[in-house]
Amino acid sequence: MTRAGHTRITQAALRHTIEAIAARTFRVPASTVSADLQDESGNIAATLVVPLPAPDLLQPEPAQGNVFDLAGRSRSVLIQQTLELTGRTMGSVDLRLTGAKPRPERKIE
């Protein structure tokens, strides 16, 4: 069944969605991520400011590469998940990683 009308995603909703994806990707609180979006010939050009999550020095983690590897993987996830969730294509994603912040503490049960 086809219905007349259209669906519009507001700029604010799009920005909040991209900020939430970035927060989840970097495993930081959503309140610490900010995004600035621009139109790039019909695609989204995003500049994101994200605190770099500091590793838990007491818990061994598998080697995940350096900061540039993390940024590259995260950029790919952002592009893919933004397309899946919003139907919009990202043209460019500029990441500004700010000072390292500890990850939120996990409750020990």
Protein backbone atom coordinates (compact mmCIF):
# COMPACT_ATOMS: atom_id res chain seq x y z
CA MET A 1 0.00 0.00 0.00
CA THR A 2 1.34 3.43 -0.95
CA ARG A 3 0.37 6.52 1.00
CA ALA A 4 0.70 10.09 -0.13
CA GLY A 5 3.21 12.24 1.70
CA HIS A 6 6.87 12.27 2.54
CA THR A 7 9.17 11.63 5.46
CA ARG A 8 11.65 14.25 6.56
CA ILE A 9 14.44 13.81 9.09
CA THR A 10 15.24 17.13 10.73
CA GLN A 11 18.82 18.39 10.96
CA ALA A 12 18.72 18.07 14.77
CA ALA A 13 17.47 14.46 14.63
CA LEU A 14 20.16 13.57 12.10
CA ARG A 15 22.86 15.22 14.22
CA HIS A 16 21.72 13.44 17.40
CA THR A 17 21.61 10.10 15.57
CA ILE A 18 25.15 10.53 14.25
CA GLU A 19 26.37 11.62 17.71
CA ALA A 20 24.79 8.51 19.25
CA ILE A 21 26.40 6.24 16.65
CA ALA A 22 29.80 7.85 17.31
CA ALA A 23 29.39 7.52 21.08
CA ARG A 24 28.54 3.84 20.77
CA THR A 25 31.38 3.24 18.34
CA PHE A 26 33.97 4.89 20.59
CA ARG A 27 32.32 3.58 23.78
CA VAL A 28 31.97 7.00 25.37
CA PRO A 29 28.89 8.77 26.80
CA ALA A 30 26.72 10.39 24.12
CA SER A 31 26.79 13.66 26.04
CA THR A 32 30.54 13.95 25.34
CA VAL A 33 30.21 13.77 21.53
CA SER A 34 29.33 16.71 19.31
CA ALA A 35 28.72 16.83 15.57
CA ASP A 36 28.56 19.60 13.01
CA LEU A 37 26.81 18.61 9.77
CA GLN A 38 26.99 20.25 6.37
CA ASP A 39 25.57 19.41 2.97
CA GLU A 40 28.19 18.09 0.54
CA SER A 41 26.48 17.80 -2.85
CA GLY A 42 23.56 15.91 -1.31
CA ASN A 43 25.73 13.85 1.04
CA ILE A 44 26.43 14.52 4.70
CA ALA A 45 29.76 16.08 5.61
CA ALA A 46 30.28 15.57 9.33
CA THR A 47 32.84 16.97 11.73
CA LEU A 48 32.75 15.06 15.00
CA VAL A 49 34.46 15.89 18.28
CA VAL A 50 34.90 12.74 20.37
CA PRO A 51 36.88 12.16 23.56
CA LEU A 52 39.36 9.38 23.07
CA PRO A 53 38.45 6.56 25.46
CA ALA A 54 41.37 5.78 27.74
CA PRO A 55 42.13 2.08 28.02
CA ASP A 56 41.59 0.40 31.35
CA LEU A 57 45.17 -0.22 32.38
CA LEU A 58 44.16 -2.93 34.85
CA GLN A 59 42.30 -5.05 32.28
CA PRO A 60 44.20 -6.63 29.41
CA GLU A 61 42.61 -5.93 26.04
CA PRO A 62 43.48 -7.43 22.71
CA ALA A 63 45.74 -5.25 20.60
CA GLN A 64 43.52 -2.93 18.61
CA GLY A 65 46.14 -0.87 16.85
CA ASN A 66 46.92 2.78 17.27
CA VAL A 67 44.66 5.84 17.37
CA PHE A 68 44.63 6.12 13.57
CA ASP A 69 43.50 2.50 13.22
CA LEU A 70 40.71 3.14 15.73
CA ALA A 71 39.64 6.29 13.86
CA GLY A 72 39.60 4.48 10.51
CA ARG A 73 37.48 1.61 11.82
CA SER A 74 35.15 4.00 13.61
CA ARG A 75 34.75 6.15 10.48
CA SER A 76 33.69 3.07 8.48
CA VAL A 77 31.14 2.08 11.15
CA LEU A 78 29.76 5.63 11.27
CA ILE A 79 29.29 5.74 7.50
CA GLN A 80 27.64 2.31 7.36
CA GLN A 81 25.33 2.74 10.36
CA THR A 82 24.26 6.26 9.32
CA LEU A 83 23.21 4.88 5.95
CA GLU A 84 21.39 1.94 7.56
CA LEU A 85 19.53 4.07 10.13
CA THR A 86 18.77 7.22 8.16
CA GLY A 87 19.09 6.28 4.50
CA ARG A 88 21.54 9.18 4.08
CA THR A 89 25.02 8.84 2.62
CA MET A 90 28.00 10.42 4.32
CA GLY A 91 30.46 12.12 2.00
CA SER A 92 33.16 12.94 4.50
CA VAL A 93 33.70 12.30 8.19
CA ASP A 94 36.29 14.41 9.98
CA LEU A 95 37.12 13.19 13.47
CA ARG A 96 38.67 15.37 16.14
CA LEU A 97 39.76 13.15 19.00
CA THR A 98 40.11 15.16 22.18
CA GLY A 99 41.91 14.31 25.42
CA ALA A 100 41.58 10.80 26.73
CA LYS A 101 38.72 10.22 29.12
CA PRO A 102 38.27 7.13 31.30
CA ARG A 103 35.46 4.85 30.25
CA PRO A 104 32.43 4.85 32.53
CA GLU A 105 32.98 2.45 35.41
CA ARG A 106 31.28 -0.90 35.24
CA LYS A 107 29.42 -2.11 38.28
CA ILE A 108 31.01 -5.12 39.89
CA GLU A 109 28.44 -7.62 41.07
